[in-house]
Amino acid sequence: MPFDFRRFDIYRKVPKDLTQPTYTGAIISVCCCLFILFLFLSELTGFITTEIVNELYVDDPDKDSGGKIDVSLNISLPNLHCELVGLDIQDEMGRHEVGHIDNSMKIPLNNGVGCRFEGQFSINKVPGNFHVSTHSATAQPQNPDMTHVIHKLSFGDTLQVHNVHGAFNALGGADRLTSNPLASHDYILKIVPTVYEDKSGKQQYSYQYTVANKEYVAYSHTGRIIPAIWFRYDLSPITVKYTERRQPLYRFITTICAIIGGTFTVAGILDSCIFTASEAWKKIQLGKMH
């Protein structure tokens, strides 16, 4: 007797003449197909969409920076002449620079009454401060007006990513025009290193920061101290990393198979229950007639 390989078929076929179509089965089949289509499109959208995953770790991510952080500052002082405005930088490594001028620009405002300072400079990765003041001016004014608006203060690379919402320019838009003109302003910054890695593996190094501020008029034994706008910073040892990821193809295929198989199985059980109940009800009705 020849060996029948068909014995290994686990998907046994029922002859069509032994099957019975029903309206209930047709409705369930249509709903089942629509449900599968909806889940398939949902999973396809998730597969195509890039996912942003974040993680925290302790490290210095940008080791090639030479221990420096690039800073971009844009600030307007509408009541202080440009010849009086200067940027000073200090830190715990002994840096003390008064009147920083490299990569900076002063733009007169209000017919020369005020000034807009724009500058790019670098700071060391140690606690320190930089401040906008009149300290570098040849002659110190009697009553410098330090009311200001901060348009931008950012550190590191500018991330042009819409899916990442962070405090990369936390002081952008800070308005101190109604403050005491003779008051100093202290902005206490906690800088958090941030890495963004796209799907190709390219990394960008930026920095988020939190800020607290206070406003005060300072005095010493010689009288009132010349006001300034201080940005005092410290670095967090925690690094935030954002990574672009896309769902693996094998996971997408597995999910689709689970959707199709699970939906058809549940729909089959539901249809079988309804059909069995319907047949039982018909037998009951026939029994009553007899």
C-alpha atoms as a PDB file:
ATOM      1  CA  MET A   1       0.000   0.000   0.000  1.00  0.00           C
ATOM      2  CA  PRO A   2       1.586   3.301  -1.065  1.00  0.00           C
ATOM      3  CA  PHE A   3       2.403   5.853   1.630  1.00  0.00           C
ATOM      4  CA  ASP A   4      -0.075   8.742   1.682  1.00  0.00           C
ATOM      5  CA  PHE A   5       1.819  11.954   2.445  1.00  0.00           C
ATOM      6  CA  ARG A   6      -1.501  13.751   2.914  1.00  0.00           C
ATOM      7  CA  ARG A   7      -1.710  12.291   6.419  1.00  0.00           C
ATOM      8  CA  PHE A   8       0.587  15.082   7.577  1.00  0.00           C
ATOM      9  CA  ASP A   9      -1.913  17.772   6.558  1.00  0.00           C
ATOM     10  CA  ILE A  10      -2.997  19.483   9.801  1.00  0.00           C
ATOM     11  CA  TYR A  11      -5.246  21.851   7.852  1.00  0.00           C
ATOM     12  CA  ARG A  12      -7.957  19.359   6.922  1.00  0.00           C
ATOM     13  CA  LYS A  13     -10.493  20.564   4.367  1.00  0.00           C
ATOM     14  CA  VAL A  14     -14.254  20.315   4.719  1.00  0.00           C
ATOM     15  CA  PRO A  15     -16.125  19.754   1.411  1.00  0.00           C
ATOM     16  CA  LYS A  16     -18.114  22.770   0.361  1.00  0.00           C
ATOM     17  CA  ASP A  17     -21.306  20.740  -0.002  1.00  0.00           C
ATOM     18  CA  LEU A  18     -21.163  19.959   3.727  1.00  0.00           C
ATOM     19  CA  THR A  19     -20.962  23.573   4.837  1.00  0.00           C
ATOM     20  CA  GLN A  20     -23.935  25.842   5.449  1.00  0.00           C
ATOM     21  CA  PRO A  21     -23.763  29.638   4.948  1.00  0.00           C
ATOM     22  CA  THR A  22     -25.828  31.801   7.312  1.00  0.00           C
ATOM     23  CA  TYR A  23     -26.729  35.475   7.539  1.00  0.00           C
ATOM     24  CA  THR A  24     -25.205  35.626  11.022  1.00  0.00           C
ATOM     25  CA  GLY A  25     -21.950  34.140   9.742  1.00  0.00           C
ATOM     26  CA  ALA A  26     -21.880  36.664   6.893  1.00  0.00           C
ATOM     27  CA  ILE A  27     -22.355  39.591   9.308  1.00  0.00           C
ATOM     28  CA  ILE A  28     -19.645  38.292  11.641  1.00  0.00           C
ATOM     29  CA  SER A  29     -17.291  37.714   8.686  1.00  0.00           C
ATOM     30  CA  VAL A  30     -17.739  41.271   7.396  1.00  0.00           C
ATOM     31  CA  CYS A  31     -17.255  42.743  10.891  1.00  0.00           C
ATOM     32  CA  CYS A  32     -14.221  40.489  11.359  1.00  0.00           C
ATOM     33  CA  CYS A  33     -12.601  41.720   8.128  1.00  0.00           C
ATOM     34  CA  LEU A  34     -13.280  45.365   9.008  1.00  0.00           C
ATOM     35  CA  PHE A  35     -11.811  44.846  12.475  1.00  0.00           C
ATOM     36  CA  ILE A  36      -8.704  43.196  11.027  1.00  0.00           C
ATOM     37  CA  LEU A  37      -8.313  46.065   8.537  1.00  0.00           C
ATOM     38  CA  PHE A  38      -8.552  48.635  11.351  1.00  0.00           C
ATOM     39  CA  LEU A  39      -5.945  46.856  13.489  1.00  0.00           C
ATOM     40  CA  PHE A  40      -3.689  46.324  10.481  1.00  0.00           C
ATOM     41  CA  LEU A  41      -3.720  50.031   9.598  1.00  0.00           C
ATOM     42  CA  SER A  42      -3.062  50.933  13.235  1.00  0.00           C
ATOM     43  CA  GLU A  43      -0.061  48.604  13.401  1.00  0.00           C
ATOM     44  CA  LEU A  44       1.184  49.805  10.000  1.00  0.00           C
ATOM     45  CA  THR A  45       1.080  53.409  11.216  1.00  0.00           C
ATOM     46  CA  GLY A  46       3.039  52.432  14.318  1.00  0.00           C
ATOM     47  CA  PHE A  47       5.576  50.536  12.204  1.00  0.00           C
ATOM     48  CA  ILE A  48       6.159  53.482   9.859  1.00  0.00           C
ATOM     49  CA  THR A  49       6.296  56.099  12.639  1.00  0.00           C
ATOM     50  CA  THR A  50       9.658  56.699  14.280  1.00  0.00           C
ATOM     51  CA  GLU A  51       9.642  56.120  18.015  1.00  0.00           C
ATOM     52  CA  ILE A  52      11.675  58.315  20.374  1.00  0.00           C
ATOM     53  CA  VAL A  53      13.137  56.373  23.322  1.00  0.00           C
ATOM     54  CA  ASN A  54      14.856  58.175  26.176  1.00  0.00           C
ATOM     55  CA  GLU A  55      17.222  56.923  28.834  1.00  0.00           C
ATOM     56  CA  LEU A  56      19.299  58.339  31.671  1.00  0.00           C
ATOM     57  CA  TYR A  57      22.884  57.508  32.555  1.00  0.00           C
ATOM     58  CA  VAL A  58      25.915  59.039  34.264  1.00  0.00           C
ATOM     59  CA  ASP A  59      28.568  60.072  31.750  1.00  0.00           C
ATOM     60  CA  ASP A  60      30.156  62.958  29.854  1.00  0.00           C
ATOM     61  CA  PRO A  61      28.697  62.314  26.394  1.00  0.00           C
ATOM     62  CA  ASP A  62      30.672  64.832  24.309  1.00  0.00           C
ATOM     63  CA  LYS A  63      34.227  63.822  25.194  1.00  0.00           C
ATOM     64  CA  ASP A  64      35.602  65.418  22.007  1.00  0.00           C
ATOM     65  CA  SER A  65      34.508  68.912  23.012  1.00  0.00           C
ATOM     66  CA  GLY A  66      37.709  69.589  24.937  1.00  0.00           C
ATOM     67  CA  GLY A  67      35.774  70.222  28.127  1.00  0.00           C
ATOM     68  CA  LYS A  68      33.884  73.139  26.551  1.00  0.00           C
ATOM     69  CA  ILE A  69      30.210  73.968  26.080  1.00  0.00           C
ATOM     70  CA  ASP A  70      29.059  76.338  23.349  1.00  0.00           C
ATOM     71  CA  VAL A  71      26.657  79.030  24.527  1.00  0.00           C
ATOM     72  CA  SER A  72      24.333  81.225  22.475  1.00  0.00           C
ATOM     73  CA  LEU A  73      22.970  84.373  24.166  1.00  0.00           C
ATOM     74  CA  ASN A  74      20.564  86.936  22.748  1.00  0.00           C
ATOM     75  CA  ILE A  75      19.361  89.636  25.132  1.00  0.00           C
ATOM     76  CA  SER A  76      17.922  93.157  24.800  1.00  0.00           C
ATOM     77  CA  LEU A  77      18.472  95.985  27.274  1.00  0.00           C
ATOM     78  CA  PRO A  78      16.209  98.786  25.967  1.00  0.00           C
ATOM     79  CA  ASN A  79      17.500 101.431  28.395  1.00  0.00           C
ATOM     80  CA  LEU A  80      21.264 100.868  28.343  1.00  0.00           C
ATOM     81  CA  HIS A  81      23.664 102.233  25.687  1.00  0.00           C
ATOM     82  CA  CYS A  82      25.677  99.701  23.682  1.00  0.00           C
ATOM     83  CA  GLU A  83      29.010 101.231  24.735  1.00  0.00           C
ATOM     84  CA  LEU A  84      28.149 100.306  28.321  1.00  0.00           C
ATOM     85  CA  VAL A  85      27.050  96.712  27.680  1.00  0.00           C
ATOM     86  CA  GLY A  86      29.585  93.928  28.123  1.00  0.00           C
ATOM     87  CA  LEU A  87      29.833  90.207  28.780  1.00  0.00           C
ATOM     88  CA  ASP A  88      32.032  88.837  31.562  1.00  0.00           C
ATOM     89  CA  ILE A  89      32.867  85.152  32.107  1.00  0.00           C
ATOM     90  CA  GLN A  90      34.153  83.487  35.288  1.00  0.00           C
ATOM     91  CA  ASP A  91      34.506  79.888  36.464  1.00  0.00           C
ATOM     92  CA  GLU A  92      36.165  77.681  39.085  1.00  0.00           C
ATOM     93  CA  MET A  93      39.097  76.876  36.794  1.00  0.00           C
ATOM     94  CA  GLY A  94      40.334  80.441  37.251  1.00  0.00           C
ATOM     95  CA  ARG A  95      38.911  81.960  34.099  1.00  0.00           C
ATOM     96  CA  HIS A  96      38.060  85.641  34.548  1.00  0.00           C
ATOM     97  CA  GLU A  97      37.314  87.439  31.322  1.00  0.00           C
ATOM     98  CA  VAL A  98      35.871  90.959  31.345  1.00  0.00           C
ATOM     99  CA  GLY A  99      34.301  92.396  28.190  1.00  0.00           C
ATOM    100  CA  HIS A 100      34.209  89.291  25.985  1.00  0.00           C
ATOM    101  CA  ILE A 101      33.936  90.454  22.360  1.00  0.00           C
ATOM    102  CA  ASP A 102      34.678  87.394  20.161  1.00  0.00           C
ATOM    103  CA  ASN A 103      31.709  86.257  18.027  1.00  0.00           C
ATOM    104  CA  SER A 104      29.489  88.905  19.580  1.00  0.00           C
ATOM    105  CA  MET A 105      27.466  91.778  18.220  1.00  0.00           C
ATOM    106  CA  LYS A 106      25.761  94.839  19.708  1.00  0.00           C
ATOM    107  CA  ILE A 107      22.757  96.293  17.924  1.00  0.00           C
ATOM    108  CA  PRO A 108      21.477  99.749  19.012  1.00  0.00           C
ATOM    109  CA  LEU A 109      17.803  99.952  19.962  1.00  0.00           C
ATOM    110  CA  ASN A 110      15.403 102.877  20.411  1.00  0.00           C
ATOM    111  CA  ASN A 111      17.599 105.344  18.482  1.00  0.00           C
ATOM    112  CA  GLY A 112      20.692 104.322  20.404  1.00  0.00           C
ATOM    113  CA  VAL A 113      19.113 104.483  23.854  1.00  0.00           C
ATOM    114  CA  GLY A 114      19.079 100.702  24.246  1.00  0.00           C
ATOM    115  CA  CYS A 115      21.116  97.741  23.046  1.00  0.00           C
ATOM    116  CA  ARG A 116      20.643  94.189  21.870  1.00  0.00           C
ATOM    117  CA  PHE A 117      23.542  91.870  22.635  1.00  0.00           C
ATOM    118  CA  GLU A 118      24.024  88.698  20.578  1.00  0.00           C
ATOM    119  CA  GLY A 119      26.965  86.439  21.259  1.00  0.00           C
ATOM    120  CA  GLN A 120      28.332  82.921  20.865  1.00  0.00           C
ATOM    121  CA  PHE A 121      31.026  81.841  23.299  1.00  0.00           C
ATOM    122  CA  SER A 122      32.185  78.761  25.163  1.00  0.00           C
ATOM    123  CA  ILE A 123      32.341  77.931  28.844  1.00  0.00           C
ATOM    124  CA  ASN A 124      34.264  75.246  30.695  1.00  0.00           C
ATOM    125  CA  LYS A 125      32.467  72.209  32.069  1.00  0.00           C
ATOM    126  CA  VAL A 126      32.858  73.404  35.628  1.00  0.00           C
ATOM    127  CA  PRO A 127      30.626  75.580  37.825  1.00  0.00           C
ATOM    128  CA  GLY A 128      30.879  79.262  37.010  1.00  0.00           C
ATOM    129  CA  ASN A 129      28.962  82.225  35.706  1.00  0.00           C
ATOM    130  CA  PHE A 130      28.711  84.701  32.884  1.00  0.00           C
ATOM    131  CA  HIS A 131      27.012  88.024  33.276  1.00  0.00           C
ATOM    132  CA  VAL A 132      25.907  91.030  31.266  1.00  0.00           C
ATOM    133  CA  SER A 133      27.071  94.200  32.997  1.00  0.00           C
ATOM    134  CA  THR A 134      28.782  97.562  32.628  1.00  0.00           C
ATOM    135  CA  HIS A 135      32.011  96.303  34.214  1.00  0.00           C
ATOM    136  CA  SER A 136      33.948  96.571  30.940  1.00  0.00           C
ATOM    137  CA  ALA A 137      32.853 100.147  30.251  1.00  0.00           C
ATOM    138  CA  THR A 138      35.497 102.872  30.352  1.00  0.00           C
ATOM    139  CA  ALA A 139      33.402 104.978  32.714  1.00  0.00           C
ATOM    140  CA  GLN A 140      30.806 103.459  34.981  1.00  0.00           C
ATOM    141  CA  PRO A 141      27.333 105.011  34.778  1.00  0.00           C
ATOM    142  CA  GLN A 142      25.673 106.232  37.959  1.00  0.00           C
ATOM    143  CA  ASN A 143      22.327 104.492  37.515  1.00  0.00           C
ATOM    144  CA  PRO A 144      22.521 101.737  34.867  1.00  0.00           C
ATOM    145  CA  ASP A 145      19.104 100.391  33.913  1.00  0.00           C
ATOM    146  CA  MET A 146      19.293  96.578  33.794  1.00  0.00           C
ATOM    147  CA  THR A 147      15.703  95.905  32.713  1.00  0.00           C
ATOM    148  CA  HIS A 148      15.875  93.373  29.898  1.00  0.00           C
ATOM    149  CA  VAL A 149      14.264  90.746  27.707  1.00  0.00           C
ATOM    150  CA  ILE A 150      16.011  87.422  27.063  1.00  0.00           C
ATOM    151  CA  HIS A 151      15.302  86.198  23.549  1.00  0.00           C
ATOM    152  CA  LYS A 152      17.502  83.132  23.655  1.00  0.00           C
ATOM    153  CA  LEU A 153      19.875  81.300  25.931  1.00  0.00           C
ATOM    154  CA  SER A 154      20.899  77.852  24.744  1.00  0.00           C
ATOM    155  CA  PHE A 155      23.812  75.471  25.172  1.00  0.00           C
ATOM    156  CA  GLY A 156      25.366  73.098  22.656  1.00  0.00           C
ATOM    157  CA  ASP A 157      23.822  72.090  19.336  1.00  0.00           C
ATOM    158  CA  THR A 158      20.367  73.311  18.389  1.00  0.00           C
ATOM    159  CA  LEU A 159      18.083  70.308  18.007  1.00  0.00           C
ATOM    160  CA  GLN A 160      15.584  70.678  15.152  1.00  0.00           C
ATOM    161  CA  VAL A 161      13.414  67.811  16.348  1.00  0.00           C
ATOM    162  CA  HIS A 162       9.661  68.197  16.819  1.00  0.00           C
ATOM    163  CA  ASN A 163       9.165  65.015  18.830  1.00  0.00           C
ATOM    164  CA  VAL A 164      11.481  66.099  21.642  1.00  0.00           C
ATOM    165  CA  HIS A 165      10.031  68.677  23.998  1.00  0.00           C
ATOM    166  CA  GLY A 166      12.553  69.862  26.548  1.00  0.00           C
ATOM    167  CA  ALA A 167      13.921  72.929  28.283  1.00  0.00           C
ATOM    168  CA  PHE A 168      16.575  73.742  25.687  1.00  0.00           C
ATOM    169  CA  ASN A 169      15.729  77.472  25.780  1.00  0.00           C
ATOM    170  CA  ALA A 170      14.051  77.745  29.160  1.00  0.00           C
ATOM    171  CA  LEU A 171      14.782  81.468  29.487  1.00  0.00           C
ATOM    172  CA  GLY A 172      13.609  82.348  25.981  1.00  0.00           C
ATOM    173  CA  GLY A 173      11.012  85.100  26.267  1.00  0.00           C
ATOM    174  CA  ALA A 174      11.855  86.052  29.871  1.00  0.00           C
ATOM    175  CA  ASP A 175      10.635  89.664  30.279  1.00  0.00           C
ATOM    176  CA  ARG A 176      12.029  91.827  33.082  1.00  0.00           C
ATOM    177  CA  LEU A 177      11.056  95.230  31.667  1.00  0.00           C
ATOM    178  CA  THR A 178       8.877  96.043  34.679  1.00  0.00           C
ATOM    179  CA  SER A 179      11.592  95.213  37.210  1.00  0.00           C
ATOM    180  CA  ASN A 180      13.447  97.713  39.370  1.00  0.00           C
ATOM    181  CA  PRO A 181      15.909  99.394  36.926  1.00  0.00           C
ATOM    182  CA  LEU A 182      18.670  99.366  39.558  1.00  0.00           C
ATOM    183  CA  ALA A 183      18.203  95.733  40.544  1.00  0.00           C
ATOM    184  CA  SER A 184      20.560  92.883  39.784  1.00  0.00           C
ATOM    185  CA  HIS A 185      19.156  89.646  38.400  1.00  0.00           C
ATOM    186  CA  ASP A 186      20.435  86.205  39.327  1.00  0.00           C
ATOM    187  CA  TYR A 187      19.532  83.256  37.113  1.00  0.00           C
ATOM    188  CA  ILE A 188      20.586  79.965  38.702  1.00  0.00           C
ATOM    189  CA  LEU A 189      20.950  77.304  35.985  1.00  0.00           C
ATOM    190  CA  LYS A 190      21.267  73.549  36.346  1.00  0.00           C
ATOM    191  CA  ILE A 191      22.558  72.289  32.989  1.00  0.00           C
ATOM    192  CA  VAL A 192      21.707  68.731  31.905  1.00  0.00           C
ATOM    193  CA  PRO A 193      23.721  67.143  29.052  1.00  0.00           C
ATOM    194  CA  THR A 194      21.437  65.810  26.312  1.00  0.00           C
ATOM    195  CA  VAL A 195      22.252  63.494  23.409  1.00  0.00           C
ATOM    196  CA  TYR A 196      20.018  62.933  20.388  1.00  0.00           C
ATOM    197  CA  GLU A 197      20.777  59.945  18.145  1.00  0.00           C
ATOM    198  CA  ASP A 198      18.892  59.553  14.865  1.00  0.00           C
ATOM    199  CA  LYS A 199      18.176  56.317  12.985  1.00  0.00           C
ATOM    200  CA  SER A 200      21.479  56.521  11.109  1.00  0.00           C
ATOM    201  CA  GLY A 201      23.442  56.644  14.377  1.00  0.00           C
ATOM    202  CA  LYS A 202      24.432  60.317  14.056  1.00  0.00           C
ATOM    203  CA  GLN A 203      24.558  62.057  17.421  1.00  0.00           C
ATOM    204  CA  GLN A 204      23.917  65.675  18.377  1.00  0.00           C
ATOM    205  CA  TYR A 205      25.018  67.088  21.709  1.00  0.00           C
ATOM    206  CA  SER A 206      22.849  69.677  23.351  1.00  0.00           C
ATOM    207  CA  TYR A 207      21.994  70.777  26.884  1.00  0.00           C
ATOM    208  CA  GLN A 208      18.723  71.343  28.656  1.00  0.00           C
ATOM    209  CA  TYR A 209      18.556  73.420  31.790  1.00  0.00           C
ATOM    210  CA  THR A 210      16.315  74.330  34.660  1.00  0.00           C
ATOM    211  CA  VAL A 211      16.308  77.850  36.032  1.00  0.00           C
ATOM    212  CA  ALA A 212      15.496  79.738  39.213  1.00  0.00           C
ATOM    213  CA  ASN A 213      15.851  83.480  39.485  1.00  0.00           C
ATOM    214  CA  LYS A 214      15.891  86.278  42.003  1.00  0.00           C
ATOM    215  CA  GLU A 215      15.978  90.050  41.778  1.00  0.00           C
ATOM    216  CA  TYR A 216      17.696  92.276  44.345  1.00  0.00           C
ATOM    217  CA  VAL A 217      19.425  95.588  44.930  1.00  0.00           C
ATOM    218  CA  ALA A 218      22.868  94.859  46.363  1.00  0.00           C
ATOM    219  CA  TYR A 219      24.759  97.081  48.794  1.00  0.00           C
ATOM    220  CA  SER A 220      28.227  97.001  50.335  1.00  0.00           C
ATOM    221  CA  HIS A 221      29.949  99.136  52.971  1.00  0.00           C
ATOM    222  CA  THR A 222      30.844 101.608  50.212  1.00  0.00           C
ATOM    223  CA  GLY A 223      27.274 101.963  48.960  1.00  0.00           C
ATOM    224  CA  ARG A 224      25.122 100.416  46.264  1.00  0.00           C
ATOM    225  CA  ILE A 225      26.774  97.801  44.046  1.00  0.00           C
ATOM    226  CA  ILE A 226      26.530  98.250  40.271  1.00  0.00           C
ATOM    227  CA  PRO A 227      23.739  95.927  39.072  1.00  0.00           C
ATOM    228  CA  ALA A 228      24.288  93.111  36.575  1.00  0.00           C
ATOM    229  CA  ILE A 229      22.465  90.203  34.973  1.00  0.00           C
ATOM    230  CA  TRP A 230      24.055  87.020  36.307  1.00  0.00           C
ATOM    231  CA  PHE A 231      23.789  83.537  34.837  1.00  0.00           C
ATOM    232  CA  ARG A 232      25.252  81.158  37.411  1.00  0.00           C
ATOM    233  CA  TYR A 233      25.490  77.578  36.179  1.00  0.00           C
ATOM    234  CA  ASP A 234      26.355  74.117  37.353  1.00  0.00           C
ATOM    235  CA  LEU A 235      26.363  70.841  35.426  1.00  0.00           C
ATOM    236  CA  SER A 236      24.342  67.762  36.263  1.00  0.00           C
ATOM    237  CA  PRO A 237      26.202  64.400  36.145  1.00  0.00           C
ATOM    238  CA  ILE A 238      23.085  62.804  34.621  1.00  0.00           C
ATOM    239  CA  THR A 239      22.886  62.638  30.827  1.00  0.00           C
ATOM    240  CA  VAL A 240      19.589  62.365  28.960  1.00  0.00           C
ATOM    241  CA  LYS A 241      19.711  60.426  25.693  1.00  0.00           C
ATOM    242  CA  TYR A 242      17.000  60.381  23.029  1.00  0.00           C
ATOM    243  CA  THR A 243      17.231  57.630  20.427  1.00  0.00           C
ATOM    244  CA  GLU A 244      15.190  57.276  17.232  1.00  0.00           C
ATOM    245  CA  ARG A 245      13.958  53.742  16.759  1.00  0.00           C
ATOM    246  CA  ARG A 246      11.638  51.986  14.363  1.00  0.00           C
ATOM    247  CA  GLN A 247       9.736  48.796  15.161  1.00  0.00           C
ATOM    248  CA  PRO A 248      11.554  45.693  13.779  1.00  0.00           C
ATOM    249  CA  LEU A 249       9.962  44.032  10.744  1.00  0.00           C
ATOM    250  CA  TYR A 250       9.731  40.641  12.449  1.00  0.00           C
ATOM    251  CA  ARG A 251       7.732  42.163  15.323  1.00  0.00           C
ATOM    252  CA  PHE A 252       5.382  43.839  12.858  1.00  0.00           C
ATOM    253  CA  ILE A 253       4.799  40.544  11.008  1.00  0.00           C
ATOM    254  CA  THR A 254       4.272  38.686  14.300  1.00  0.00           C
ATOM    255  CA  THR A 255       1.698  41.241  15.427  1.00  0.00           C
ATOM    256  CA  ILE A 256      -0.175  41.073  12.112  1.00  0.00           C
ATOM    257  CA  CYS A 257      -0.299  37.273  12.265  1.00  0.00           C
ATOM    258  CA  ALA A 258      -1.571  37.450  15.849  1.00  0.00           C
ATOM    259  CA  ILE A 259      -4.249  39.959  14.826  1.00  0.00           C
ATOM    260  CA  ILE A 260      -5.485  37.871  11.895  1.00  0.00           C
ATOM    261  CA  GLY A 261      -5.334  34.526  13.700  1.00  0.00           C
ATOM    262  CA  GLY A 262      -6.826  35.807  16.939  1.00  0.00           C
ATOM    263  CA  THR A 263      -9.639  37.687  15.238  1.00  0.00           C
ATOM    264  CA  PHE A 264     -10.640  34.737  13.053  1.00  0.00           C
ATOM    265  CA  THR A 265     -10.492  32.372  16.032  1.00  0.00           C
ATOM    266  CA  VAL A 266     -12.678  34.567  18.244  1.00  0.00           C
ATOM    267  CA  ALA A 267     -15.058  35.249  15.358  1.00  0.00           C
ATOM    268  CA  GLY A 268     -15.305  31.494  14.655  1.00  0.00           C
ATOM    269  CA  ILE A 269     -16.099  30.729  18.298  1.00  0.00           C
ATOM    270  CA  LEU A 270     -18.724  33.482  18.350  1.00  0.00           C
ATOM    271  CA  ASP A 271     -20.291  32.284  15.119  1.00  0.00           C
ATOM    272  CA  SER A 272     -20.307  28.684  16.352  1.00  0.00           C
ATOM    273  CA  CYS A 273     -22.016  29.668  19.599  1.00  0.00           C
ATOM    274  CA  ILE A 274     -24.683  31.676  17.777  1.00  0.00           C
ATOM    275  CA  PHE A 275     -25.274  28.897  15.238  1.00  0.00           C
ATOM    276  CA  THR A 276     -25.538  26.231  17.959  1.00  0.00           C
ATOM    277  CA  ALA A 277     -27.914  28.363  19.986  1.00  0.00           C
ATOM    278  CA  SER A 278     -30.006  29.063  16.888  1.00  0.00           C
ATOM    279  CA  GLU A 279     -30.265  25.363  16.012  1.00  0.00           C
ATOM    280  CA  ALA A 280     -31.190  24.484  19.570  1.00  0.00           C
ATOM    281  CA  TRP A 281     -33.891  27.143  19.568  1.00  0.00           C
ATOM    282  CA  LYS A 282     -35.319  25.780  16.293  1.00  0.00           C
ATOM    283  CA  LYS A 283     -35.502  22.273  17.806  1.00  0.00           C
ATOM    284  CA  ILE A 284     -37.290  23.663  20.850  1.00  0.00           C
ATOM    285  CA  GLN A 285     -39.797  25.434  18.644  1.00  0.00           C
ATOM    286  CA  LEU A 286     -40.377  22.264  16.597  1.00  0.00           C
ATOM    287  CA  GLY A 287     -40.885  20.301  19.791  1.00  0.00           C
ATOM    288  CA  LYS A 288     -43.584  22.712  20.946  1.00  0.00           C
ATOM    289  CA  MET A 289     -45.409  22.395  17.614  1.00  0.00           C
ATOM    290  CA  HIS A 290     -45.645  18.631  18.012  1.00  0.00           C
END
